[in-house]
N, C-alpha and C. Protein backbone atom coordinates (compact mmCIF):
# COMPACT_ATOMS: atom_id res chain seq x y z
N UNK A 1 -45.97 219.24 193.57
CA UNK A 1 -45.57 219.25 192.17
C UNK A 1 -45.97 220.57 191.53
N UNK A 2 -45.03 221.24 190.92
CA UNK A 2 -45.30 222.52 190.29
C UNK A 2 -46.12 222.33 189.02
N UNK A 3 -46.97 223.32 188.76
CA UNK A 3 -47.75 223.30 187.53
C UNK A 3 -46.81 223.65 186.38
N UNK A 4 -46.66 222.77 185.37
CA UNK A 4 -45.68 223.03 184.31
C UNK A 4 -45.98 224.32 183.55
N UNK A 5 -44.94 225.15 183.39
CA UNK A 5 -45.12 226.42 182.70
C UNK A 5 -45.60 226.20 181.27
N UNK A 6 -45.05 225.19 180.60
CA UNK A 6 -45.44 224.90 179.24
C UNK A 6 -46.90 224.48 179.13
N UNK A 7 -47.38 223.76 180.13
CA UNK A 7 -48.79 223.34 180.13
C UNK A 7 -49.71 224.53 180.32
N UNK A 8 -49.31 225.47 181.16
CA UNK A 8 -50.10 226.69 181.34
C UNK A 8 -50.23 227.44 180.03
N UNK A 9 -49.13 227.52 179.30
CA UNK A 9 -49.13 228.20 178.01
C UNK A 9 -50.03 227.49 177.01
N UNK A 10 -49.98 226.16 177.02
CA UNK A 10 -50.81 225.38 176.11
C UNK A 10 -52.29 225.57 176.42
N UNK A 11 -52.63 225.61 177.70
CA UNK A 11 -54.02 225.78 178.08
C UNK A 11 -54.55 227.17 177.72
N UNK A 12 -53.67 228.15 177.72
CA UNK A 12 -54.08 229.48 177.27
C UNK A 12 -54.47 229.44 175.80
N UNK A 13 -53.75 228.64 175.02
CA UNK A 13 -54.09 228.49 173.61
C UNK A 13 -55.44 227.81 173.45
N UNK A 14 -55.72 226.82 174.32
CA UNK A 14 -57.01 226.16 174.27
C UNK A 14 -58.15 227.13 174.54
N UNK A 15 -57.90 228.10 175.42
CA UNK A 15 -58.96 229.00 175.86
C UNK A 15 -59.31 230.07 174.83
N UNK A 16 -58.42 230.33 173.88
CA UNK A 16 -58.66 231.43 172.94
C UNK A 16 -59.00 230.94 171.53
N UNK A 17 -59.03 229.62 171.32
CA UNK A 17 -59.45 229.09 170.03
C UNK A 17 -60.80 228.43 170.20
N UNK A 18 -61.55 228.32 169.11
CA UNK A 18 -62.81 227.60 169.20
C UNK A 18 -62.53 226.10 169.05
N UNK A 19 -63.55 225.29 169.35
CA UNK A 19 -63.34 223.84 169.38
C UNK A 19 -62.93 223.28 168.02
N UNK A 20 -63.27 224.01 166.93
CA UNK A 20 -62.93 223.52 165.61
C UNK A 20 -61.44 223.65 165.32
N UNK A 21 -60.75 224.51 166.07
CA UNK A 21 -59.32 224.72 165.84
C UNK A 21 -58.45 224.02 166.88
N UNK A 22 -59.07 223.33 167.81
CA UNK A 22 -58.31 222.74 168.90
C UNK A 22 -57.35 221.66 168.39
N UNK A 23 -57.78 220.93 167.37
CA UNK A 23 -56.91 219.88 166.83
C UNK A 23 -55.66 220.47 166.19
N UNK A 24 -55.79 221.68 165.65
CA UNK A 24 -54.62 222.34 165.07
C UNK A 24 -53.58 222.65 166.13
N UNK A 25 -54.05 223.03 167.32
CA UNK A 25 -53.12 223.27 168.43
C UNK A 25 -52.35 221.99 168.75
N UNK A 26 -53.09 220.87 168.81
CA UNK A 26 -52.43 219.60 169.09
C UNK A 26 -51.50 219.19 167.95
N UNK A 27 -51.92 219.42 166.72
CA UNK A 27 -51.03 219.12 165.59
C UNK A 27 -49.70 219.86 165.73
N UNK A 28 -49.77 221.12 166.17
CA UNK A 28 -48.57 221.94 166.28
C UNK A 28 -47.67 221.53 167.44
N UNK A 29 -48.23 220.81 168.41
CA UNK A 29 -47.45 220.45 169.60
C UNK A 29 -47.30 218.95 169.78
N UNK A 30 -47.62 218.17 168.76
CA UNK A 30 -47.57 216.72 168.90
C UNK A 30 -46.17 216.22 169.27
N UNK A 31 -45.15 216.80 168.67
CA UNK A 31 -43.79 216.30 168.90
C UNK A 31 -43.20 216.73 170.24
N UNK A 32 -43.76 217.79 170.84
CA UNK A 32 -43.22 218.21 172.14
C UNK A 32 -44.25 218.11 173.26
N UNK A 33 -45.38 217.48 172.99
CA UNK A 33 -46.45 217.40 173.99
C UNK A 33 -46.00 216.66 175.24
N UNK A 34 -45.31 215.54 175.08
CA UNK A 34 -44.88 214.76 176.24
C UNK A 34 -44.00 215.59 177.17
N UNK A 35 -43.13 216.39 176.58
CA UNK A 35 -42.25 217.25 177.37
C UNK A 35 -43.04 218.38 178.04
N UNK A 36 -44.04 218.90 177.35
CA UNK A 36 -44.84 220.01 177.89
C UNK A 36 -45.60 219.58 179.15
N UNK A 37 -46.26 218.44 179.08
CA UNK A 37 -47.10 218.04 180.21
C UNK A 37 -46.29 217.48 181.35
N UNK A 38 -45.07 217.01 181.06
CA UNK A 38 -44.25 216.45 182.12
C UNK A 38 -44.97 215.32 182.83
N UNK A 39 -44.98 215.35 184.15
CA UNK A 39 -45.66 214.32 184.94
C UNK A 39 -47.00 214.80 185.47
N UNK A 40 -47.43 216.00 185.04
CA UNK A 40 -48.65 216.56 185.63
C UNK A 40 -49.87 215.70 185.37
N UNK A 41 -49.99 215.12 184.17
CA UNK A 41 -51.18 214.33 183.85
C UNK A 41 -51.12 212.93 184.44
N UNK A 42 -50.02 212.59 185.11
CA UNK A 42 -49.86 211.24 185.61
C UNK A 42 -50.90 210.81 186.61
N UNK A 43 -51.36 211.73 187.44
CA UNK A 43 -52.32 211.36 188.48
C UNK A 43 -53.64 210.87 187.89
N UNK A 44 -54.17 211.63 186.93
CA UNK A 44 -55.41 211.21 186.28
C UNK A 44 -55.23 209.91 185.52
N UNK A 45 -54.09 209.76 184.83
CA UNK A 45 -53.83 208.54 184.09
C UNK A 45 -53.72 207.34 185.02
N UNK A 46 -53.05 207.51 186.15
CA UNK A 46 -52.90 206.41 187.09
C UNK A 46 -54.24 206.00 187.67
N UNK A 47 -55.13 206.96 187.91
CA UNK A 47 -56.47 206.63 188.41
C UNK A 47 -57.22 205.77 187.39
N UNK A 48 -57.11 206.13 186.12
CA UNK A 48 -57.83 205.37 185.10
C UNK A 48 -57.23 203.99 184.92
N UNK A 49 -55.91 203.89 184.94
CA UNK A 49 -55.26 202.58 184.77
C UNK A 49 -55.60 201.67 185.94
N UNK A 50 -55.59 202.18 187.15
CA UNK A 50 -55.94 201.36 188.32
C UNK A 50 -57.36 200.83 188.21
N UNK A 51 -58.28 201.69 187.75
CA UNK A 51 -59.67 201.26 187.59
C UNK A 51 -59.78 200.21 186.49
N UNK A 52 -59.06 200.41 185.38
CA UNK A 52 -59.10 199.45 184.28
C UNK A 52 -58.59 198.09 184.73
N UNK A 53 -57.47 198.08 185.45
CA UNK A 53 -56.92 196.81 185.94
C UNK A 53 -57.91 196.09 186.85
N UNK A 54 -58.64 196.85 187.64
CA UNK A 54 -59.60 196.26 188.57
C UNK A 54 -60.83 195.72 187.85
N UNK A 55 -61.37 196.49 186.90
CA UNK A 55 -62.67 196.17 186.33
C UNK A 55 -62.60 195.38 185.03
N UNK A 56 -61.50 195.51 184.30
CA UNK A 56 -61.32 194.78 183.04
C UNK A 56 -60.01 194.00 183.14
N UNK A 57 -59.99 192.93 183.92
CA UNK A 57 -58.72 192.24 184.19
C UNK A 57 -58.21 191.39 183.04
N UNK A 58 -59.06 191.07 182.05
CA UNK A 58 -58.61 190.26 180.93
C UNK A 58 -57.80 191.15 179.99
N UNK A 59 -56.53 190.87 179.88
CA UNK A 59 -55.62 191.78 179.18
C UNK A 59 -55.79 191.79 177.66
N UNK A 60 -56.49 190.80 177.12
CA UNK A 60 -56.75 190.78 175.69
C UNK A 60 -58.04 191.52 175.32
N UNK A 61 -58.70 192.10 176.31
CA UNK A 61 -59.93 192.86 176.06
C UNK A 61 -59.65 193.99 175.08
N UNK A 62 -60.66 194.29 174.27
CA UNK A 62 -60.48 195.36 173.29
C UNK A 62 -60.80 196.70 173.95
N UNK A 63 -59.80 197.56 174.05
CA UNK A 63 -59.92 198.83 174.76
C UNK A 63 -59.69 199.99 173.79
N UNK A 64 -60.51 201.01 173.92
CA UNK A 64 -60.33 202.23 173.12
C UNK A 64 -59.74 203.33 173.99
N UNK A 65 -58.58 203.80 173.60
CA UNK A 65 -57.95 204.95 174.25
C UNK A 65 -58.51 206.19 173.55
N UNK A 66 -59.51 206.80 174.17
CA UNK A 66 -60.23 207.91 173.54
C UNK A 66 -59.56 209.22 173.88
N UNK A 67 -59.40 210.08 172.86
CA UNK A 67 -58.60 211.29 173.00
C UNK A 67 -57.19 210.89 173.43
N UNK A 68 -56.62 209.98 172.66
CA UNK A 68 -55.34 209.36 173.02
C UNK A 68 -54.18 210.33 173.00
N UNK A 69 -54.30 211.42 172.26
CA UNK A 69 -53.23 212.39 172.10
C UNK A 69 -51.98 211.67 171.59
N UNK A 70 -50.86 211.77 172.29
CA UNK A 70 -49.62 211.15 171.80
C UNK A 70 -49.40 209.74 172.34
N UNK A 71 -50.34 209.23 173.12
CA UNK A 71 -50.25 207.85 173.57
C UNK A 71 -49.64 207.62 174.93
N UNK A 72 -49.56 208.65 175.75
CA UNK A 72 -48.98 208.48 177.09
C UNK A 72 -49.79 207.49 177.94
N UNK A 73 -51.11 207.58 177.84
CA UNK A 73 -51.95 206.65 178.60
C UNK A 73 -51.84 205.24 178.02
N UNK A 74 -51.74 205.16 176.70
CA UNK A 74 -51.58 203.86 176.07
C UNK A 74 -50.32 203.14 176.52
N UNK A 75 -49.26 203.89 176.74
CA UNK A 75 -48.02 203.29 177.24
C UNK A 75 -48.26 202.63 178.59
N UNK A 76 -49.01 203.30 179.45
CA UNK A 76 -49.29 202.73 180.78
C UNK A 76 -50.19 201.51 180.68
N UNK A 77 -51.14 201.54 179.75
CA UNK A 77 -51.98 200.35 179.53
C UNK A 77 -51.12 199.19 179.05
N UNK A 78 -50.25 199.47 178.11
CA UNK A 78 -49.37 198.43 177.56
C UNK A 78 -48.48 197.84 178.65
N UNK A 79 -47.94 198.69 179.50
CA UNK A 79 -47.09 198.21 180.60
C UNK A 79 -47.88 197.38 181.59
N UNK A 80 -49.20 197.63 181.66
CA UNK A 80 -50.06 196.85 182.55
C UNK A 80 -50.47 195.52 181.93
N UNK A 81 -50.07 195.31 180.67
CA UNK A 81 -50.32 194.02 180.04
C UNK A 81 -51.39 193.99 178.97
N UNK A 82 -52.04 195.13 178.70
CA UNK A 82 -53.12 195.15 177.71
C UNK A 82 -52.52 195.09 176.30
N UNK A 83 -53.11 194.24 175.48
CA UNK A 83 -52.51 193.93 174.17
C UNK A 83 -53.40 194.27 172.99
N UNK A 84 -54.61 194.78 173.25
CA UNK A 84 -55.55 195.03 172.15
C UNK A 84 -56.15 196.43 172.32
N UNK A 85 -55.32 197.44 172.11
CA UNK A 85 -55.71 198.83 172.36
C UNK A 85 -55.79 199.58 171.04
N UNK A 86 -56.88 200.30 170.84
CA UNK A 86 -57.01 201.20 169.69
C UNK A 86 -56.85 202.64 170.17
N UNK A 87 -56.31 203.49 169.29
CA UNK A 87 -56.12 204.91 169.61
C UNK A 87 -57.10 205.76 168.80
N UNK A 88 -57.77 206.66 169.47
CA UNK A 88 -58.72 207.58 168.84
C UNK A 88 -58.31 209.01 169.19
N UNK A 89 -58.19 209.87 168.17
CA UNK A 89 -57.89 211.27 168.43
C UNK A 89 -58.25 212.10 167.21
N UNK A 90 -58.48 213.39 167.43
CA UNK A 90 -58.80 214.29 166.34
C UNK A 90 -57.60 214.87 165.64
N UNK A 91 -56.43 214.68 166.21
CA UNK A 91 -55.19 215.23 165.66
C UNK A 91 -54.42 214.17 164.89
N UNK A 92 -54.23 214.39 163.61
CA UNK A 92 -53.46 213.44 162.80
C UNK A 92 -52.02 213.35 163.29
N UNK A 93 -51.43 214.46 163.66
CA UNK A 93 -50.04 214.43 164.11
C UNK A 93 -49.88 213.68 165.43
N UNK A 94 -50.86 213.81 166.31
CA UNK A 94 -50.81 213.05 167.56
C UNK A 94 -50.92 211.56 167.29
N UNK A 95 -51.79 211.19 166.36
CA UNK A 95 -51.91 209.78 166.01
C UNK A 95 -50.61 209.25 165.42
N UNK A 96 -49.90 210.08 164.68
CA UNK A 96 -48.60 209.65 164.16
C UNK A 96 -47.63 209.35 165.30
N UNK A 97 -47.71 210.14 166.37
CA UNK A 97 -46.88 209.87 167.54
C UNK A 97 -47.30 208.55 168.20
N UNK A 98 -48.60 208.30 168.23
CA UNK A 98 -49.10 207.02 168.78
C UNK A 98 -48.56 205.84 167.98
N UNK A 99 -48.51 205.98 166.68
CA UNK A 99 -48.02 204.89 165.82
C UNK A 99 -46.57 204.56 166.13
N UNK A 100 -45.79 205.57 166.46
CA UNK A 100 -44.36 205.34 166.73
C UNK A 100 -44.14 204.52 167.99
N UNK A 101 -45.12 204.50 168.85
CA UNK A 101 -44.96 203.76 170.12
C UNK A 101 -45.10 202.25 169.93
N UNK A 102 -45.74 201.83 168.85
CA UNK A 102 -45.87 200.41 168.53
C UNK A 102 -46.59 199.63 169.65
N UNK A 103 -47.67 200.23 170.15
CA UNK A 103 -48.44 199.56 171.22
C UNK A 103 -49.92 199.45 170.87
N UNK A 104 -50.35 200.13 169.80
CA UNK A 104 -51.76 200.15 169.43
C UNK A 104 -52.04 199.21 168.27
N UNK A 105 -53.30 198.76 168.20
CA UNK A 105 -53.73 197.87 167.12
C UNK A 105 -54.28 198.65 165.94
N UNK A 106 -55.22 199.56 166.21
CA UNK A 106 -55.85 200.37 165.18
C UNK A 106 -55.80 201.84 165.56
N UNK A 107 -55.92 202.70 164.55
CA UNK A 107 -55.83 204.14 164.75
C UNK A 107 -57.02 204.82 164.08
N UNK A 108 -57.68 205.70 164.83
CA UNK A 108 -58.85 206.41 164.32
C UNK A 108 -58.61 207.90 164.47
N UNK A 109 -58.60 208.61 163.35
CA UNK A 109 -58.50 210.07 163.37
C UNK A 109 -59.88 210.62 163.05
N UNK A 110 -60.48 211.25 164.02
CA UNK A 110 -61.86 211.73 163.84
C UNK A 110 -62.12 212.90 164.78
N UNK A 111 -62.69 213.96 164.24
CA UNK A 111 -63.06 215.11 165.06
C UNK A 111 -64.45 214.86 165.64
N UNK A 112 -64.56 214.99 166.96
CA UNK A 112 -65.82 214.67 167.64
C UNK A 112 -66.76 215.87 167.60
N UNK A 113 -67.95 215.64 167.08
CA UNK A 113 -69.02 216.63 167.09
C UNK A 113 -70.23 215.99 167.76
N UNK A 114 -71.39 216.57 167.56
CA UNK A 114 -72.61 215.97 168.10
C UNK A 114 -73.14 214.86 167.20
N UNK A 115 -72.49 214.64 166.07
CA UNK A 115 -72.89 213.57 165.16
C UNK A 115 -72.37 212.23 165.67
N UNK A 116 -73.00 211.12 165.25
CA UNK A 116 -72.52 209.80 165.67
C UNK A 116 -71.08 209.56 165.23
N UNK A 117 -70.35 208.81 166.04
CA UNK A 117 -68.99 208.42 165.68
C UNK A 117 -69.03 207.38 164.57
N UNK A 118 -67.93 207.23 163.87
CA UNK A 118 -67.85 206.26 162.78
C UNK A 118 -67.70 204.82 163.27
N UNK A 119 -67.56 204.63 164.54
CA UNK A 119 -67.32 203.30 165.13
C UNK A 119 -68.63 202.53 165.25
N UNK A 120 -68.59 201.24 164.94
CA UNK A 120 -69.78 200.39 165.01
C UNK A 120 -70.19 200.17 166.46
N UNK A 121 -71.46 199.91 166.66
CA UNK A 121 -71.99 199.64 168.00
C UNK A 121 -71.38 198.36 168.57
N UNK A 122 -71.27 198.33 169.90
CA UNK A 122 -70.81 197.14 170.63
C UNK A 122 -69.44 196.66 170.16
N UNK A 123 -68.54 197.59 169.95
CA UNK A 123 -67.20 197.25 169.45
C UNK A 123 -66.22 196.95 170.56
N UNK A 124 -66.29 197.71 171.65
CA UNK A 124 -65.23 197.66 172.66
C UNK A 124 -65.68 197.06 173.99
N UNK A 125 -64.71 196.48 174.69
CA UNK A 125 -64.94 195.99 176.04
C UNK A 125 -64.81 197.12 177.06
N UNK A 126 -64.16 198.19 176.66
CA UNK A 126 -64.01 199.33 177.55
C UNK A 126 -63.46 200.55 176.82
N UNK A 127 -63.80 201.71 177.34
CA UNK A 127 -63.22 202.97 176.89
C UNK A 127 -62.51 203.59 178.07
N UNK A 128 -61.33 204.09 177.82
CA UNK A 128 -60.58 204.80 178.84
C UNK A 128 -60.19 206.15 178.27
N UNK A 129 -60.44 207.20 179.03
CA UNK A 129 -60.20 208.55 178.54
C UNK A 129 -59.64 209.39 179.69
N UNK A 130 -58.48 209.96 179.48
CA UNK A 130 -57.86 210.81 180.50
C UNK A 130 -57.57 212.18 179.89
N UNK A 131 -58.22 213.21 180.41
CA UNK A 131 -57.99 214.57 179.95
C UNK A 131 -58.80 214.97 178.74
N UNK A 132 -59.75 214.15 178.33
CA UNK A 132 -60.54 214.46 177.15
C UNK A 132 -61.53 215.59 177.34
N UNK A 133 -61.95 215.78 178.58
CA UNK A 133 -62.87 216.87 178.89
C UNK A 133 -62.07 218.03 179.47
N UNK A 134 -62.04 219.13 178.72
CA UNK A 134 -61.28 220.32 179.11
C UNK A 134 -61.79 221.49 178.28
N UNK A 135 -61.10 222.61 178.35
CA UNK A 135 -61.53 223.80 177.61
C UNK A 135 -61.61 223.52 176.12
N UNK A 136 -62.78 223.73 175.54
CA UNK A 136 -62.99 223.56 174.10
C UNK A 136 -62.65 222.16 173.60
N UNK A 137 -62.83 221.18 174.45
CA UNK A 137 -62.50 219.81 174.08
C UNK A 137 -63.77 219.01 173.76
N UNK A 138 -63.90 217.83 174.31
CA UNK A 138 -65.00 216.94 173.95
C UNK A 138 -66.37 217.51 174.35
N UNK A 139 -67.37 217.39 173.47
CA UNK A 139 -68.74 217.76 173.84
C UNK A 139 -69.35 216.65 174.69
N UNK A 140 -70.31 217.02 175.52
CA UNK A 140 -70.91 215.99 176.39
C UNK A 140 -71.73 214.99 175.59
N UNK A 141 -72.06 215.30 174.36
CA UNK A 141 -72.81 214.35 173.53
C UNK A 141 -72.01 213.07 173.27
N UNK A 142 -70.70 213.13 173.43
CA UNK A 142 -69.88 211.94 173.21
C UNK A 142 -70.19 210.85 174.24
N UNK A 143 -70.70 211.24 175.39
CA UNK A 143 -71.02 210.26 176.43
C UNK A 143 -72.06 209.26 175.92
N UNK A 144 -73.05 209.75 175.22
CA UNK A 144 -74.08 208.87 174.65
C UNK A 144 -73.47 207.91 173.63
N UNK A 145 -72.54 208.42 172.83
CA UNK A 145 -71.88 207.58 171.85
C UNK A 145 -71.04 206.50 172.53
N UNK A 146 -70.45 206.83 173.65
CA UNK A 146 -69.68 205.81 174.38
C UNK A 146 -70.57 204.66 174.81
N UNK A 147 -71.79 204.97 175.24
CA UNK A 147 -72.70 203.89 175.65
C UNK A 147 -73.08 203.01 174.46
N UNK A 148 -72.99 203.54 173.26
CA UNK A 148 -73.34 202.78 172.06
C UNK A 148 -72.21 201.87 171.60
N UNK A 149 -70.97 202.35 171.66
CA UNK A 149 -69.87 201.60 171.06
C UNK A 149 -69.19 200.63 172.02
N UNK A 150 -69.56 200.69 173.31
CA UNK A 150 -69.05 199.72 174.28
C UNK A 150 -70.08 198.60 174.46
N UNK A 151 -69.60 197.39 174.52
CA UNK A 151 -70.47 196.23 174.66
C UNK A 151 -71.18 196.23 176.02
N UNK A 152 -72.37 195.65 176.10
CA UNK A 152 -73.01 195.49 177.41
C UNK A 152 -72.08 194.76 178.38
N UNK A 153 -72.00 195.28 179.58
CA UNK A 153 -71.09 194.71 180.58
C UNK A 153 -69.73 195.37 180.59
N UNK A 154 -69.42 196.12 179.51
CA UNK A 154 -68.15 196.82 179.45
C UNK A 154 -68.16 198.09 180.29
N UNK A 155 -67.00 198.75 180.35
CA UNK A 155 -66.85 199.91 181.23
C UNK A 155 -66.39 201.15 180.47
N UNK A 156 -66.86 202.29 180.97
CA UNK A 156 -66.39 203.59 180.51
C UNK A 156 -65.69 204.26 181.70
N UNK A 157 -64.42 204.57 181.54
CA UNK A 157 -63.61 205.14 182.61
C UNK A 157 -63.03 206.46 182.11
N UNK A 158 -63.40 207.55 182.74
CA UNK A 158 -62.95 208.87 182.28
C UNK A 158 -62.47 209.72 183.44
N UNK A 159 -61.28 210.31 183.26
CA UNK A 159 -60.70 211.18 184.28
C UNK A 159 -60.31 212.51 183.66
N UNK A 160 -60.50 213.57 184.40
CA UNK A 160 -60.11 214.90 183.93
C UNK A 160 -60.06 215.83 185.14
N UNK A 161 -59.52 217.03 184.93
CA UNK A 161 -59.44 217.97 186.04
C UNK A 161 -60.84 218.45 186.40
N UNK A 162 -61.17 218.34 187.66
CA UNK A 162 -62.52 218.61 188.14
C UNK A 162 -62.96 220.06 187.89
N UNK A 163 -62.00 220.98 187.83
CA UNK A 163 -62.34 222.39 187.65
C UNK A 163 -63.04 222.67 186.32
N UNK A 164 -62.79 221.80 185.32
CA UNK A 164 -63.40 222.07 184.01
C UNK A 164 -64.92 221.97 184.06
N UNK A 165 -65.47 221.28 185.04
CA UNK A 165 -66.92 221.24 185.16
C UNK A 165 -67.50 222.58 185.57
N UNK A 166 -66.66 223.43 186.13
CA UNK A 166 -67.08 224.79 186.51
C UNK A 166 -66.73 225.81 185.43
N UNK A 167 -65.61 225.58 184.75
CA UNK A 167 -65.04 226.60 183.86
C UNK A 167 -65.54 226.48 182.42
N UNK A 168 -65.64 225.27 181.92
CA UNK A 168 -66.02 225.08 180.51
C UNK A 168 -67.54 225.20 180.33
N UNK A 169 -68.00 226.12 179.47
CA UNK A 169 -69.44 226.32 179.28
C UNK A 169 -70.21 225.08 178.81
N UNK A 170 -69.54 224.17 178.11
CA UNK A 170 -70.22 222.95 177.68
C UNK A 170 -70.59 222.05 178.86
N UNK A 171 -69.87 222.20 179.98
CA UNK A 171 -70.05 221.29 181.11
C UNK A 171 -70.63 221.95 182.36
N UNK A 172 -70.51 223.29 182.46
CA UNK A 172 -70.82 223.95 183.74
C UNK A 172 -72.31 224.00 184.03
N UNK A 173 -72.63 224.52 185.20
CA UNK A 173 -74.02 224.65 185.66
C UNK A 173 -74.74 223.30 185.65
N UNK A 174 -74.00 222.25 185.95
CA UNK A 174 -74.59 220.92 186.07
C UNK A 174 -74.80 220.18 184.77
N UNK A 175 -74.39 220.76 183.65
CA UNK A 175 -74.66 220.11 182.35
C UNK A 175 -74.00 218.73 182.26
N UNK A 176 -72.76 218.64 182.72
CA UNK A 176 -72.03 217.37 182.59
C UNK A 176 -72.69 216.28 183.44
N UNK A 177 -72.91 216.57 184.71
CA UNK A 177 -73.50 215.57 185.59
C UNK A 177 -74.93 215.25 185.18
N UNK A 178 -75.65 216.23 184.67
CA UNK A 178 -77.02 215.97 184.22
C UNK A 178 -77.05 214.98 183.06
N UNK A 179 -76.05 215.08 182.16
CA UNK A 179 -75.99 214.14 181.05
C UNK A 179 -75.65 212.73 181.53
N UNK A 180 -74.75 212.64 182.50
CA UNK A 180 -74.44 211.33 183.08
C UNK A 180 -75.70 210.69 183.65
N UNK A 181 -76.46 211.48 184.37
CA UNK A 181 -77.67 210.97 185.02
C UNK A 181 -78.77 210.65 184.01
N UNK A 182 -78.86 211.45 182.94
CA UNK A 182 -79.87 211.18 181.90
C UNK A 182 -79.63 209.81 181.27
N UNK A 183 -78.38 209.51 180.97
CA UNK A 183 -78.05 208.23 180.35
C UNK A 183 -78.34 207.07 181.29
N UNK A 184 -78.17 207.31 182.58
CA UNK A 184 -78.48 206.26 183.56
C UNK A 184 -79.99 206.05 183.65
N UNK A 185 -80.76 207.13 183.65
CA UNK A 185 -82.21 207.02 183.71
C UNK A 185 -82.77 206.32 182.48
N UNK A 186 -82.11 206.49 181.34
CA UNK A 186 -82.53 205.86 180.10
C UNK A 186 -82.05 204.41 179.98
N UNK A 187 -81.34 203.93 181.00
CA UNK A 187 -80.91 202.54 181.00
C UNK A 187 -79.73 202.24 180.10
N UNK A 188 -78.94 203.28 179.79
CA UNK A 188 -77.77 203.09 178.93
C UNK A 188 -76.59 202.53 179.70
N UNK A 189 -76.44 203.00 180.93
CA UNK A 189 -75.35 202.53 181.76
C UNK A 189 -75.73 202.67 183.23
N UNK A 190 -74.91 202.13 184.09
CA UNK A 190 -75.11 202.28 185.53
C UNK A 190 -73.86 202.89 186.15
N UNK A 191 -74.08 203.77 187.10
CA UNK A 191 -72.98 204.44 187.78
C UNK A 191 -72.28 203.47 188.71
N UNK A 192 -70.96 203.38 188.60
CA UNK A 192 -70.17 202.52 189.47
C UNK A 192 -69.59 203.33 190.63
N UNK A 193 -68.82 204.37 190.29
CA UNK A 193 -68.28 205.24 191.33
C UNK A 193 -67.58 206.43 190.70
N UNK A 194 -67.28 207.43 191.54
CA UNK A 194 -66.40 208.52 191.15
C UNK A 194 -65.44 208.78 192.29
N UNK A 195 -64.28 209.31 191.96
CA UNK A 195 -63.25 209.59 192.96
C UNK A 195 -62.58 210.91 192.64
N UNK A 196 -62.11 211.57 193.68
CA UNK A 196 -61.33 212.80 193.54
C UNK A 196 -59.91 212.54 194.00
N UNK A 197 -58.94 213.07 193.26
CA UNK A 197 -57.54 212.84 193.62
C UNK A 197 -57.07 213.75 194.75
N UNK A 198 -57.42 215.04 194.66
CA UNK A 198 -56.96 216.04 195.64
C UNK A 198 -58.10 217.02 195.93
N UNK A 199 -59.05 216.64 196.76
CA UNK A 199 -60.23 217.48 196.99
C UNK A 199 -59.90 218.88 197.51
N UNK A 200 -58.75 219.04 198.15
CA UNK A 200 -58.39 220.33 198.72
C UNK A 200 -57.61 221.21 197.76
N UNK A 201 -57.29 220.69 196.59
CA UNK A 201 -56.48 221.44 195.62
C UNK A 201 -57.28 221.63 194.34
N UNK A 202 -57.96 222.75 194.24
CA UNK A 202 -58.88 223.00 193.13
C UNK A 202 -58.18 222.94 191.78
N UNK A 203 -56.99 223.49 191.67
CA UNK A 203 -56.30 223.57 190.40
C UNK A 203 -55.81 222.21 189.90
N UNK A 204 -55.46 221.33 190.80
CA UNK A 204 -54.82 220.08 190.41
C UNK A 204 -55.66 218.84 190.64
N UNK A 205 -56.88 219.02 191.16
CA UNK A 205 -57.71 217.87 191.49
C UNK A 205 -58.28 217.21 190.24
N UNK A 206 -58.08 215.91 190.14
CA UNK A 206 -58.67 215.12 189.07
C UNK A 206 -59.90 214.39 189.60
N UNK A 207 -60.89 214.22 188.74
CA UNK A 207 -62.06 213.42 189.06
C UNK A 207 -62.14 212.27 188.07
N UNK A 208 -62.51 211.11 188.54
CA UNK A 208 -62.70 209.96 187.67
C UNK A 208 -64.13 209.49 187.81
N UNK A 209 -64.76 209.24 186.67
CA UNK A 209 -66.11 208.68 186.62
C UNK A 209 -66.02 207.29 186.01
N UNK A 210 -66.72 206.34 186.62
CA UNK A 210 -66.74 204.97 186.12
C UNK A 210 -68.19 204.53 185.95
N UNK A 211 -68.53 204.06 184.75
CA UNK A 211 -69.87 203.54 184.46
C UNK A 211 -69.75 202.19 183.77
N UNK A 212 -70.75 201.36 183.99
CA UNK A 212 -70.82 200.06 183.32
C UNK A 212 -72.00 200.08 182.35
N UNK A 213 -71.76 199.62 181.14
CA UNK A 213 -72.79 199.64 180.09
C UNK A 213 -73.81 198.53 180.35
N UNK A 214 -75.07 198.85 180.14
CA UNK A 214 -76.16 197.89 180.34
C UNK A 214 -76.60 197.28 179.02
């Protein structure tokens, strides 16, 4: 599968803006985002959906689609039978695209910083996030917040391109994995598993992390 030219262009924009302006990039591309990414993000999304179906089989479970963007992942959740999905994103225009899909229950527009999220503790049965960790995207502090807003016994499922752990300064030099391990040592969650989609293809390899909240 060829790397979409439009996606390469979009990622260049991500690399030259600071994290405070990243939502503006998404606002400007909300209406053509689905066309830009094509099927490239499908592999990471399919990994997360397969894990969700396995670990959270009750379709009425309350699920948060974190960094939902235009709702492509939500569509796959809906097709899998999930009926109680909320959309969270920092881009108002992307959330408007999510609303048009008529598959979500609630919508949250919020820019993620190191401050606590506006969501109450123990709200969700699971969080699913595909592509949220990338250049100038989510800070690793959000991982701690995920352990707070998911109910004990619930799951956090996150997939993204593995290269960002090397490239993005917020995650590189072991910062991302160290935060995962810190939360486990503190008894916030337990590691279930991780998987790589294409270990031999650095540019296109997705990694999925799965944790269960304690």
